[in-house]
Amino acid sequence: MGKNNTKILITALVMVVTAAMMIEEAKSVRICNVNTNDLQKCRPAVTGNNPPPPTPQCCKVAKAANLECLCPFLSRSGINPSKIKALGANCGITKNPSCLPW
């Protein structure tokens, strides 16, 4: 009976760890070629009155993202389009999404 209890305990532990891993992965959704958690790396560069320049990590995300695909989200985000334009310029992105006024 001791072996059965150990097997049940190990099985339950494996199930809990597997469920925890699945929940952790679900926190980030892939959209427009990037994970939503990665988009947060650019938040400081496009928010506030005097945003800092984008970090190299932000530029990597911005270059990987499909900006046209992000248009519906950008237009509803409340982010000033000029800040998105500055982000693109600072990251060396030459193709601007058509949804933003340039």
PDB file of N, CA and C in Angstrom:
ATOM      1  N   MET A   1       0.818  -1.195   0.000  1.00  0.00           N
ATOM      2  CA  MET A   1       0.000   0.000   0.000  1.00  0.00           C
ATOM      3  C   MET A   1       0.863   1.261   0.000  1.00  0.00           C
ATOM      4  N   GLY A   2       2.036   1.202   0.595  1.00  0.00           N
ATOM      5  CA  GLY A   2       2.937   2.334   0.598  1.00  0.00           C
ATOM      6  C   GLY A   2       3.396   2.697  -0.802  1.00  0.00           C
ATOM      7  N   LYS A   3       3.650   1.678  -1.643  1.00  0.00           N
ATOM      8  CA  LYS A   3       4.076   1.940  -3.019  1.00  0.00           C
ATOM      9  C   LYS A   3       2.962   2.591  -3.820  1.00  0.00           C
ATOM     10  N   ASN A   4       1.727   2.163  -3.620  1.00  0.00           N
ATOM     11  CA  ASN A   4       0.589   2.760  -4.334  1.00  0.00           C
ATOM     12  C   ASN A   4       0.423   4.219  -3.965  1.00  0.00           C
ATOM     13  N   ASN A   5       0.556   4.539  -2.686  1.00  0.00           N
ATOM     14  CA  ASN A   5       0.439   5.928  -2.246  1.00  0.00           C
ATOM     15  C   ASN A   5       1.542   6.788  -2.869  1.00  0.00           C
ATOM     16  N   THR A   6       2.746   6.243  -2.966  1.00  0.00           N
ATOM     17  CA  THR A   6       3.859   6.975  -3.569  1.00  0.00           C
ATOM     18  C   THR A   6       3.591   7.210  -5.050  1.00  0.00           C
ATOM     19  N   LYS A   7       3.101   6.191  -5.748  1.00  0.00           N
ATOM     20  CA  LYS A   7       2.780   6.335  -7.167  1.00  0.00           C
ATOM     21  C   LYS A   7       1.686   7.373  -7.378  1.00  0.00           C
ATOM     22  N   ILE A   8       0.677   7.346  -6.535  1.00  0.00           N
ATOM     23  CA  ILE A   8      -0.415   8.320  -6.647  1.00  0.00           C
ATOM     24  C   ILE A   8       0.109   9.730  -6.388  1.00  0.00           C
ATOM     25  N   LEU A   9       0.952   9.869  -5.382  1.00  0.00           N
ATOM     26  CA  LEU A   9       1.521  11.171  -5.047  1.00  0.00           C
ATOM     27  C   LEU A   9       2.374  11.693  -6.208  1.00  0.00           C
ATOM     28  N   ILE A  10       3.216  10.834  -6.779  1.00  0.00           N
ATOM     29  CA  ILE A  10       4.071  11.240  -7.897  1.00  0.00           C
ATOM     30  C   ILE A  10       3.216  11.612  -9.106  1.00  0.00           C
ATOM     31  N   THR A  11       2.195  10.824  -9.399  1.00  0.00           N
ATOM     32  CA  THR A  11       1.306  11.114 -10.517  1.00  0.00           C
ATOM     33  C   THR A  11       0.608  12.454 -10.317  1.00  0.00           C
ATOM     34  N   ALA A  12       0.120  12.696  -9.111  1.00  0.00           N
ATOM     35  CA  ALA A  12      -0.553  13.963  -8.815  1.00  0.00           C
ATOM     36  C   ALA A  12       0.415  15.132  -8.949  1.00  0.00           C
ATOM     37  N   LEU A  13       1.640  14.956  -8.479  1.00  0.00           N
ATOM     38  CA  LEU A  13       2.640  16.014  -8.568  1.00  0.00           C
ATOM     39  C   LEU A  13       2.964  16.334 -10.033  1.00  0.00           C
ATOM     40  N   VAL A  14       3.121  15.301 -10.848  1.00  0.00           N
ATOM     41  CA  VAL A  14       3.381  15.507 -12.269  1.00  0.00           C
ATOM     42  C   VAL A  14       2.221  16.248 -12.919  1.00  0.00           C
ATOM     43  N   MET A  15       0.999  15.904 -12.564  1.00  0.00           N
ATOM     44  CA  MET A  15      -0.163  16.572 -13.136  1.00  0.00           C
ATOM     45  C   MET A  15      -0.203  18.042 -12.736  1.00  0.00           C
ATOM     46  N   VAL A  16       0.118  18.335 -11.491  1.00  0.00           N
ATOM     47  CA  VAL A  16       0.111  19.724 -11.014  1.00  0.00           C
ATOM     48  C   VAL A  16       1.193  20.534 -11.721  1.00  0.00           C
ATOM     49  N   VAL A  17       2.393  19.967 -11.851  1.00  0.00           N
ATOM     50  CA  VAL A  17       3.487  20.675 -12.526  1.00  0.00           C
ATOM     51  C   VAL A  17       3.139  20.911 -13.993  1.00  0.00           C
ATOM     52  N   THR A  18       2.571  19.913 -14.650  1.00  0.00           N
ATOM     53  CA  THR A  18       2.169  20.061 -16.051  1.00  0.00           C
ATOM     54  C   THR A  18       1.108  21.154 -16.199  1.00  0.00           C
ATOM     55  N   ALA A  19       0.129  21.168 -15.321  1.00  0.00           N
ATOM     56  CA  ALA A  19      -0.917  22.198 -15.375  1.00  0.00           C
ATOM     57  C   ALA A  19      -0.317  23.584 -15.144  1.00  0.00           C
ATOM     58  N   ALA A  20       0.608  23.689 -14.203  1.00  0.00           N
ATOM     59  CA  ALA A  20       1.241  24.981 -13.925  1.00  0.00           C
ATOM     60  C   ALA A  20       2.016  25.478 -15.142  1.00  0.00           C
ATOM     61  N   MET A  21       2.694  24.580 -15.832  1.00  0.00           N
ATOM     62  CA  MET A  21       3.443  24.964 -17.026  1.00  0.00           C
ATOM     63  C   MET A  21       2.490  25.428 -18.121  1.00  0.00           C
ATOM     64  N   MET A  22       1.360  24.771 -18.258  1.00  0.00           N
ATOM     65  CA  MET A  22       0.394  25.160 -19.281  1.00  0.00           C
ATOM     66  C   MET A  22      -0.198  26.525 -18.973  1.00  0.00           C
ATOM     67  N   ILE A  23      -0.477  26.802 -17.721  1.00  0.00           N
ATOM     68  CA  ILE A  23      -1.027  28.100 -17.330  1.00  0.00           C
ATOM     69  C   ILE A  23      -0.002  29.194 -17.586  1.00  0.00           C
ATOM     70  N   GLU A  24       1.265  28.952 -17.258  1.00  0.00           N
ATOM     71  CA  GLU A  24       2.318  29.942 -17.472  1.00  0.00           C
ATOM     72  C   GLU A  24       2.448  30.268 -18.955  1.00  0.00           C
ATOM     73  N   GLU A  25       2.400  29.257 -19.814  1.00  0.00           N
ATOM     74  CA  GLU A  25       2.502  29.489 -21.244  1.00  0.00           C
ATOM     75  C   GLU A  25       1.304  30.260 -21.775  1.00  0.00           C
ATOM     76  N   ALA A  26       0.150  30.092 -21.167  1.00  0.00           N
ATOM     77  CA  ALA A  26      -1.060  30.752 -21.649  1.00  0.00           C
ATOM     78  C   ALA A  26      -1.083  32.240 -21.345  1.00  0.00           C
ATOM     79  N   LYS A  27      -0.214  32.713 -20.478  1.00  0.00           N
ATOM     80  CA  LYS A  27      -0.200  34.128 -20.132  1.00  0.00           C
ATOM     81  C   LYS A  27       0.253  35.009 -21.294  1.00  0.00           C
ATOM     82  N   SER A  28       0.983  34.453 -22.232  1.00  0.00           N
ATOM     83  CA  SER A  28       1.437  35.199 -23.386  1.00  0.00           C
ATOM     84  C   SER A  28       0.793  34.618 -24.635  1.00  0.00           C
ATOM     85  N   VAL A  29       0.223  35.491 -25.437  1.00  0.00           N
ATOM     86  CA  VAL A  29      -0.462  35.071 -26.653  1.00  0.00           C
ATOM     87  C   VAL A  29       0.348  35.557 -27.847  1.00  0.00           C
ATOM     88  N   ARG A  30       0.519  34.712 -28.822  1.00  0.00           N
ATOM     89  CA  ARG A  30       1.235  35.098 -30.035  1.00  0.00           C
ATOM     90  C   ARG A  30       0.270  35.806 -30.976  1.00  0.00           C
ATOM     91  N   ILE A  31       0.650  37.020 -31.361  1.00  0.00           N
ATOM     92  CA  ILE A  31      -0.183  37.808 -32.257  1.00  0.00           C
ATOM     93  C   ILE A  31       0.730  38.642 -33.153  1.00  0.00           C
ATOM     94  N   CYS A  32       0.460  38.645 -34.421  1.00  0.00           N
ATOM     95  CA  CYS A  32       1.199  39.466 -35.385  1.00  0.00           C
ATOM     96  C   CYS A  32       2.713  39.212 -35.332  1.00  0.00           C
ATOM     97  N   ASN A  33       3.077  37.953 -35.211  1.00  0.00           N
ATOM     98  CA  ASN A  33       4.471  37.480 -35.200  1.00  0.00           C
ATOM     99  C   ASN A  33       5.219  37.703 -33.890  1.00  0.00           C
ATOM    100  N   VAL A  34       4.568  38.189 -32.847  1.00  0.00           N
ATOM    101  CA  VAL A  34       5.246  38.389 -31.558  1.00  0.00           C
ATOM    102  C   VAL A  34       4.331  37.952 -30.420  1.00  0.00           C
ATOM    103  N   ASN A  35       4.944  37.647 -29.277  1.00  0.00           N
ATOM    104  CA  ASN A  35       4.174  37.331 -28.081  1.00  0.00           C
ATOM    105  C   ASN A  35       3.748  38.628 -27.410  1.00  0.00           C
ATOM    106  N   THR A  36       2.551  38.625 -26.861  1.00  0.00           N
ATOM    107  CA  THR A  36       2.044  39.838 -26.221  1.00  0.00           C
ATOM    108  C   THR A  36       2.944  40.280 -25.067  1.00  0.00           C
ATOM    109  N   ASN A  37       3.546  39.343 -24.360  1.00  0.00           N
ATOM    110  CA  ASN A  37       4.464  39.733 -23.282  1.00  0.00           C
ATOM    111  C   ASN A  37       5.663  40.491 -23.841  1.00  0.00           C
ATOM    112  N   ASP A  38       6.117  40.116 -25.035  1.00  0.00           N
ATOM    113  CA  ASP A  38       7.259  40.803 -25.633  1.00  0.00           C
ATOM    114  C   ASP A  38       6.913  42.240 -26.030  1.00  0.00           C
ATOM    115  N   LEU A  39       5.668  42.472 -26.388  1.00  0.00           N
ATOM    116  CA  LEU A  39       5.256  43.831 -26.745  1.00  0.00           C
ATOM    117  C   LEU A  39       5.441  44.792 -25.573  1.00  0.00           C
ATOM    118  N   GLN A  40       5.366  44.273 -24.357  1.00  0.00           N
ATOM    119  CA  GLN A  40       5.539  45.111 -23.172  1.00  0.00           C
ATOM    120  C   GLN A  40       6.939  45.725 -23.111  1.00  0.00           C
ATOM    121  N   LYS A  41       7.897  45.114 -23.800  1.00  0.00           N
ATOM    122  CA  LYS A  41       9.262  45.639 -23.809  1.00  0.00           C
ATOM    123  C   LYS A  41       9.321  47.016 -24.473  1.00  0.00           C
ATOM    124  N   CYS A  42       8.324  47.339 -25.278  1.00  0.00           N
ATOM    125  CA  CYS A  42       8.297  48.635 -25.969  1.00  0.00           C
ATOM    126  C   CYS A  42       7.402  49.663 -25.284  1.00  0.00           C
ATOM    127  N   ARG A  43       6.662  49.262 -24.292  1.00  0.00           N
ATOM    128  CA  ARG A  43       5.734  50.180 -23.638  1.00  0.00           C
ATOM    129  C   ARG A  43       6.405  51.471 -23.161  1.00  0.00           C
ATOM    130  N   PRO A  44       7.567  51.415 -22.482  1.00  0.00           N
ATOM    131  CA  PRO A  44       8.176  52.677 -22.020  1.00  0.00           C
ATOM    132  C   PRO A  44       8.507  53.639 -23.162  1.00  0.00           C
ATOM    133  N   ALA A  45       8.856  53.101 -24.329  1.00  0.00           N
ATOM    134  CA  ALA A  45       9.273  53.951 -25.446  1.00  0.00           C
ATOM    135  C   ALA A  45       8.107  54.625 -26.168  1.00  0.00           C
ATOM    136  N   VAL A  46       6.872  54.221 -25.867  1.00  0.00           N
ATOM    137  CA  VAL A  46       5.720  54.806 -26.568  1.00  0.00           C
ATOM    138  C   VAL A  46       4.676  55.387 -25.617  1.00  0.00           C
ATOM    139  N   THR A  47       5.003  55.489 -24.350  1.00  0.00           N
ATOM    140  CA  THR A  47       4.050  56.052 -23.394  1.00  0.00           C
ATOM    141  C   THR A  47       4.697  57.190 -22.599  1.00  0.00           C
ATOM    142  N   GLY A  48       3.876  58.000 -22.024  1.00  0.00           N
ATOM    143  CA  GLY A  48       4.356  59.117 -21.219  1.00  0.00           C
ATOM    144  C   GLY A  48       4.631  60.348 -22.056  1.00  0.00           C
ATOM    145  N   ASN A  49       4.916  61.447 -21.386  1.00  0.00           N
ATOM    146  CA  ASN A  49       5.154  62.717 -22.073  1.00  0.00           C
ATOM    147  C   ASN A  49       6.520  62.785 -22.738  1.00  0.00           C
ATOM    148  N   ASN A  50       7.516  62.176 -22.116  1.00  0.00           N
ATOM    149  CA  ASN A  50       8.881  62.226 -22.645  1.00  0.00           C
ATOM    150  C   ASN A  50       9.476  60.820 -22.586  1.00  0.00           C
ATOM    151  N   PRO A  51       9.038  59.927 -23.476  1.00  0.00           N
ATOM    152  CA  PRO A  51       9.490  58.542 -23.384  1.00  0.00           C
ATOM    153  C   PRO A  51      10.973  58.387 -23.710  1.00  0.00           C
ATOM    154  N   PRO A  52      11.624  57.422 -23.068  1.00  0.00           N
ATOM    155  CA  PRO A  52      13.034  57.164 -23.384  1.00  0.00           C
ATOM    156  C   PRO A  52      13.142  56.483 -24.739  1.00  0.00           C
ATOM    157  N   PRO A  53      14.341  56.473 -25.324  1.00  0.00           N
ATOM    158  CA  PRO A  53      14.507  55.758 -26.586  1.00  0.00           C
ATOM    159  C   PRO A  53      14.251  54.262 -26.369  1.00  0.00           C
ATOM    160  N   PRO A  54      13.858  53.561 -27.423  1.00  0.00           N
ATOM    161  CA  PRO A  54      13.605  52.131 -27.265  1.00  0.00           C
ATOM    162  C   PRO A  54      14.888  51.369 -26.946  1.00  0.00           C
ATOM    163  N   THR A  55      14.732  50.320 -26.170  1.00  0.00           N
ATOM    164  CA  THR A  55      15.868  49.460 -25.841  1.00  0.00           C
ATOM    165  C   THR A  55      16.156  48.530 -27.021  1.00  0.00           C
ATOM    166  N   PRO A  56      17.332  47.927 -27.057  1.00  0.00           N
ATOM    167  CA  PRO A  56      17.609  46.944 -28.117  1.00  0.00           C
ATOM    168  C   PRO A  56      16.589  45.797 -28.125  1.00  0.00           C
ATOM    169  N   GLN A  57      16.112  45.397 -26.943  1.00  0.00           N
ATOM    170  CA  GLN A  57      15.110  44.327 -26.872  1.00  0.00           C
ATOM    171  C   GLN A  57      13.805  44.779 -27.510  1.00  0.00           C
ATOM    172  N   CYS A  58      13.426  46.019 -27.281  1.00  0.00           N
ATOM    173  CA  CYS A  58      12.212  46.569 -27.880  1.00  0.00           C
ATOM    174  C   CYS A  58      12.357  46.600 -29.393  1.00  0.00           C
ATOM    175  N   CYS A  59      13.494  47.062 -29.880  1.00  0.00           N
ATOM    176  CA  CYS A  59      13.700  47.142 -31.333  1.00  0.00           C
ATOM    177  C   CYS A  59      13.639  45.757 -31.970  1.00  0.00           C
ATOM    178  N   LYS A  60      14.168  44.770 -31.282  1.00  0.00           N
ATOM    179  CA  LYS A  60      14.114  43.404 -31.804  1.00  0.00           C
ATOM    180  C   LYS A  60      12.659  42.955 -31.955  1.00  0.00           C
ATOM    181  N   VAL A  61      11.841  43.266 -30.955  1.00  0.00           N
ATOM    182  CA  VAL A  61      10.414  42.919 -31.001  1.00  0.00           C
ATOM    183  C   VAL A  61       9.723  43.702 -32.108  1.00  0.00           C
ATOM    184  N   ALA A  62       9.989  45.003 -32.187  1.00  0.00           N
ATOM    185  CA  ALA A  62       9.336  45.851 -33.182  1.00  0.00           C
ATOM    186  C   ALA A  62       9.680  45.412 -34.605  1.00  0.00           C
ATOM    187  N   LYS A  63      10.917  45.005 -34.825  1.00  0.00           N
ATOM    188  CA  LYS A  63      11.321  44.548 -36.156  1.00  0.00           C
ATOM    189  C   LYS A  63      10.690  43.210 -36.514  1.00  0.00           C
ATOM    190  N   ALA A  64      10.450  42.370 -35.516  1.00  0.00           N
ATOM    191  CA  ALA A  64       9.857  41.052 -35.766  1.00  0.00           C
ATOM    192  C   ALA A  64       8.346  41.138 -35.964  1.00  0.00           C
ATOM    193  N   ALA A  65       7.727  42.162 -35.395  1.00  0.00           N
ATOM    194  CA  ALA A  65       6.271  42.278 -35.437  1.00  0.00           C
ATOM    195  C   ALA A  65       5.773  42.624 -36.832  1.00  0.00           C
ATOM    196  N   ASN A  66       4.597  42.128 -37.149  1.00  0.00           N
ATOM    197  CA  ASN A  66       3.904  42.508 -38.378  1.00  0.00           C
ATOM    198  C   ASN A  66       3.099  43.755 -38.017  1.00  0.00           C
ATOM    199  N   LEU A  67       3.632  44.914 -38.352  1.00  0.00           N
ATOM    200  CA  LEU A  67       3.017  46.169 -37.926  1.00  0.00           C
ATOM    201  C   LEU A  67       1.648  46.394 -38.557  1.00  0.00           C
ATOM    202  N   GLU A  68       1.470  45.965 -39.799  1.00  0.00           N
ATOM    203  CA  GLU A  68       0.145  46.087 -40.428  1.00  0.00           C
ATOM    204  C   GLU A  68      -0.884  45.276 -39.635  1.00  0.00           C
ATOM    205  N   CYS A  69      -0.491  44.102 -39.213  1.00  0.00           N
ATOM    206  CA  CYS A  69      -1.376  43.246 -38.434  1.00  0.00           C
ATOM    207  C   CYS A  69      -1.715  43.893 -37.095  1.00  0.00           C
ATOM    208  N   LEU A  70      -0.771  44.644 -36.533  1.00  0.00           N
ATOM    209  CA  LEU A  70      -0.979  45.293 -35.229  1.00  0.00           C
ATOM    210  C   LEU A  70      -1.838  46.552 -35.324  1.00  0.00           C
ATOM    211  N   CYS A  71      -2.108  47.042 -36.523  1.00  0.00           N
ATOM    212  CA  CYS A  71      -2.849  48.300 -36.696  1.00  0.00           C
ATOM    213  C   CYS A  71      -4.132  48.389 -35.859  1.00  0.00           C
ATOM    214  N   PRO A  72      -5.004  47.384 -35.887  1.00  0.00           N
ATOM    215  CA  PRO A  72      -6.227  47.512 -35.089  1.00  0.00           C
ATOM    216  C   PRO A  72      -5.948  47.689 -33.596  1.00  0.00           C
ATOM    217  N   PHE A  73      -4.881  47.068 -33.120  1.00  0.00           N
ATOM    218  CA  PHE A  73      -4.546  47.160 -31.703  1.00  0.00           C
ATOM    219  C   PHE A  73      -3.892  48.501 -31.390  1.00  0.00           C
ATOM    220  N   LEU A  74      -3.067  48.989 -32.328  1.00  0.00           N
ATOM    221  CA  LEU A  74      -2.401  50.274 -32.125  1.00  0.00           C
ATOM    222  C   LEU A  74      -3.408  51.412 -32.088  1.00  0.00           C
ATOM    223  N   SER A  75      -4.388  51.355 -32.981  1.00  0.00           N
ATOM    224  CA  SER A  75      -5.361  52.445 -33.050  1.00  0.00           C
ATOM    225  C   SER A  75      -6.255  52.487 -31.812  1.00  0.00           C
ATOM    226  N   ARG A  76      -6.449  51.351 -31.155  1.00  0.00           N
ATOM    227  CA  ARG A  76      -7.293  51.316 -29.943  1.00  0.00           C
ATOM    228  C   ARG A  76      -6.492  51.464 -28.668  1.00  0.00           C
ATOM    229  N   SER A  77      -5.170  51.498 -28.777  1.00  0.00           N
ATOM    230  CA  SER A  77      -4.324  51.502 -27.582  1.00  0.00           C
ATOM    231  C   SER A  77      -4.241  52.855 -26.896  1.00  0.00           C
ATOM    232  N   GLY A  78      -4.564  53.919 -27.619  1.00  0.00           N
ATOM    233  CA  GLY A  78      -4.445  55.248 -27.040  1.00  0.00           C
ATOM    234  C   GLY A  78      -3.024  55.782 -27.089  1.00  0.00           C
ATOM    235  N   ILE A  79      -2.124  55.077 -27.762  1.00  0.00           N
ATOM    236  CA  ILE A  79      -0.743  55.534 -27.885  1.00  0.00           C
ATOM    237  C   ILE A  79      -0.682  56.571 -28.994  1.00  0.00           C
ATOM    238  N   ASN A  80       0.009  57.655 -28.744  1.00  0.00           N
ATOM    239  CA  ASN A  80       0.167  58.721 -29.715  1.00  0.00           C
ATOM    240  C   ASN A  80       0.922  58.184 -30.933  1.00  0.00           C
ATOM    241  N   PRO A  81       0.364  58.317 -32.136  1.00  0.00           N
ATOM    242  CA  PRO A  81       1.023  57.803 -33.345  1.00  0.00           C
ATOM    243  C   PRO A  81       2.432  58.350 -33.555  1.00  0.00           C
ATOM    244  N   SER A  82       2.684  59.577 -33.135  1.00  0.00           N
ATOM    245  CA  SER A  82       4.032  60.132 -33.321  1.00  0.00           C
ATOM    246  C   SER A  82       5.061  59.371 -32.492  1.00  0.00           C
ATOM    247  N   LYS A  83       4.638  58.829 -31.369  1.00  0.00           N
ATOM    248  CA  LYS A  83       5.563  58.041 -30.546  1.00  0.00           C
ATOM    249  C   LYS A  83       5.867  56.700 -31.201  1.00  0.00           C
ATOM    250  N   ILE A  84       4.886  56.153 -31.889  1.00  0.00           N
ATOM    251  CA  ILE A  84       5.119  54.908 -32.618  1.00  0.00           C
ATOM    252  C   ILE A  84       6.038  55.184 -33.803  1.00  0.00           C
ATOM    253  N   LYS A  85       5.838  56.331 -34.445  1.00  0.00           N
ATOM    254  CA  LYS A  85       6.703  56.720 -35.564  1.00  0.00           C
ATOM    255  C   LYS A  85       8.141  56.894 -35.063  1.00  0.00           C
ATOM    256  N   ALA A  86       8.315  57.533 -33.915  1.00  0.00           N
ATOM    257  CA  ALA A  86       9.655  57.721 -33.344  1.00  0.00           C
ATOM    258  C   ALA A  86      10.287  56.380 -32.984  1.00  0.00           C
ATOM    259  N   LEU A  87       9.492  55.468 -32.473  1.00  0.00           N
ATOM    260  CA  LEU A  87       9.997  54.127 -32.148  1.00  0.00           C
ATOM    261  C   LEU A  87      10.538  53.465 -33.415  1.00  0.00           C
ATOM    262  N   GLY A  88       9.752  53.531 -34.498  1.00  0.00           N
ATOM    263  CA  GLY A  88      10.190  52.937 -35.759  1.00  0.00           C
ATOM    264  C   GLY A  88      11.468  53.574 -36.274  1.00  0.00           C
ATOM    265  N   ALA A  89      11.535  54.887 -36.205  1.00  0.00           N
ATOM    266  CA  ALA A  89      12.735  55.591 -36.682  1.00  0.00           C
ATOM    267  C   ALA A  89      13.954  55.222 -35.837  1.00  0.00           C
ATOM    268  N   ASN A  90      13.783  55.166 -34.530  1.00  0.00           N
ATOM    269  CA  ASN A  90      14.895  54.831 -33.634  1.00  0.00           C
ATOM    270  C   ASN A  90      15.346  53.385 -33.782  1.00  0.00           C
ATOM    271  N   CYS A  91      14.455  52.524 -34.231  1.00  0.00           N
ATOM    272  CA  CYS A  91      14.788  51.108 -34.391  1.00  0.00           C
ATOM    273  C   CYS A  91      15.210  50.769 -35.825  1.00  0.00           C
ATOM    274  N   GLY A  92      15.180  51.749 -36.715  1.00  0.00           N
ATOM    275  CA  GLY A  92      15.580  51.503 -38.092  1.00  0.00           C
ATOM    276  C   GLY A  92      14.526  50.785 -38.922  1.00  0.00           C
ATOM    277  N   ILE A  93      13.273  50.934 -38.534  1.00  0.00           N
ATOM    278  CA  ILE A  93      12.173  50.328 -39.291  1.00  0.00           C
ATOM    279  C   ILE A  93      11.775  51.313 -40.385  1.00  0.00           C
ATOM    280  N   THR A  94      11.850  50.874 -41.618  1.00  0.00           N
ATOM    281  CA  THR A  94      11.594  51.780 -42.737  1.00  0.00           C
ATOM    282  C   THR A  94      10.170  51.670 -43.263  1.00  0.00           C
ATOM    283  N   LYS A  95       9.487  50.565 -43.012  1.00  0.00           N
ATOM    284  CA  LYS A  95       8.123  50.401 -43.506  1.00  0.00           C
ATOM    285  C   LYS A  95       7.147  50.718 -42.363  1.00  0.00           C
ATOM    286  N   ASN A  96       6.413  51.791 -42.525  1.00  0.00           N
ATOM    287  CA  ASN A  96       5.453  52.206 -41.512  1.00  0.00           C
ATOM    288  C   ASN A  96       4.082  51.584 -41.774  1.00  0.00           C
ATOM    289  N   PRO A  97       3.355  51.239 -40.721  1.00  0.00           N
ATOM    290  CA  PRO A  97       2.017  50.689 -40.945  1.00  0.00           C
ATOM    291  C   PRO A  97       1.091  51.751 -41.535  1.00  0.00           C
ATOM    292  N   SER A  98       0.236  51.329 -42.433  1.00  0.00           N
ATOM    293  CA  SER A  98      -0.632  52.263 -43.147  1.00  0.00           C
ATOM    294  C   SER A  98      -1.724  52.872 -42.267  1.00  0.00           C
ATOM    295  N   CYS A  99      -1.979  52.276 -41.122  1.00  0.00           N
ATOM    296  CA  CYS A  99      -3.069  52.761 -40.276  1.00  0.00           C
ATOM    297  C   CYS A  99      -2.694  54.012 -39.482  1.00  0.00           C
ATOM    298  N   LEU A 100      -1.427  54.337 -39.438  1.00  0.00           N
ATOM    299  CA  LEU A 100      -1.006  55.500 -38.670  1.00  0.00           C
ATOM    300  C   LEU A 100      -0.720  56.670 -39.596  1.00  0.00           C
ATOM    301  N   PRO A 101      -1.070  57.872 -39.188  1.00  0.00           N
ATOM    302  CA  PRO A 101      -0.823  59.045 -40.035  1.00  0.00           C
ATOM    303  C   PRO A 101       0.671  59.361 -40.069  1.00  0.00           C
ATOM    304  N   TRP A 102       1.180  59.498 -41.256  1.00  0.00           N
ATOM    305  CA  TRP A 102       2.609  59.821 -41.399  1.00  0.00           C
ATOM    306  C   TRP A 102       2.734  61.056 -42.211  1.00  0.00           C
TER     307      TRP A 102
END
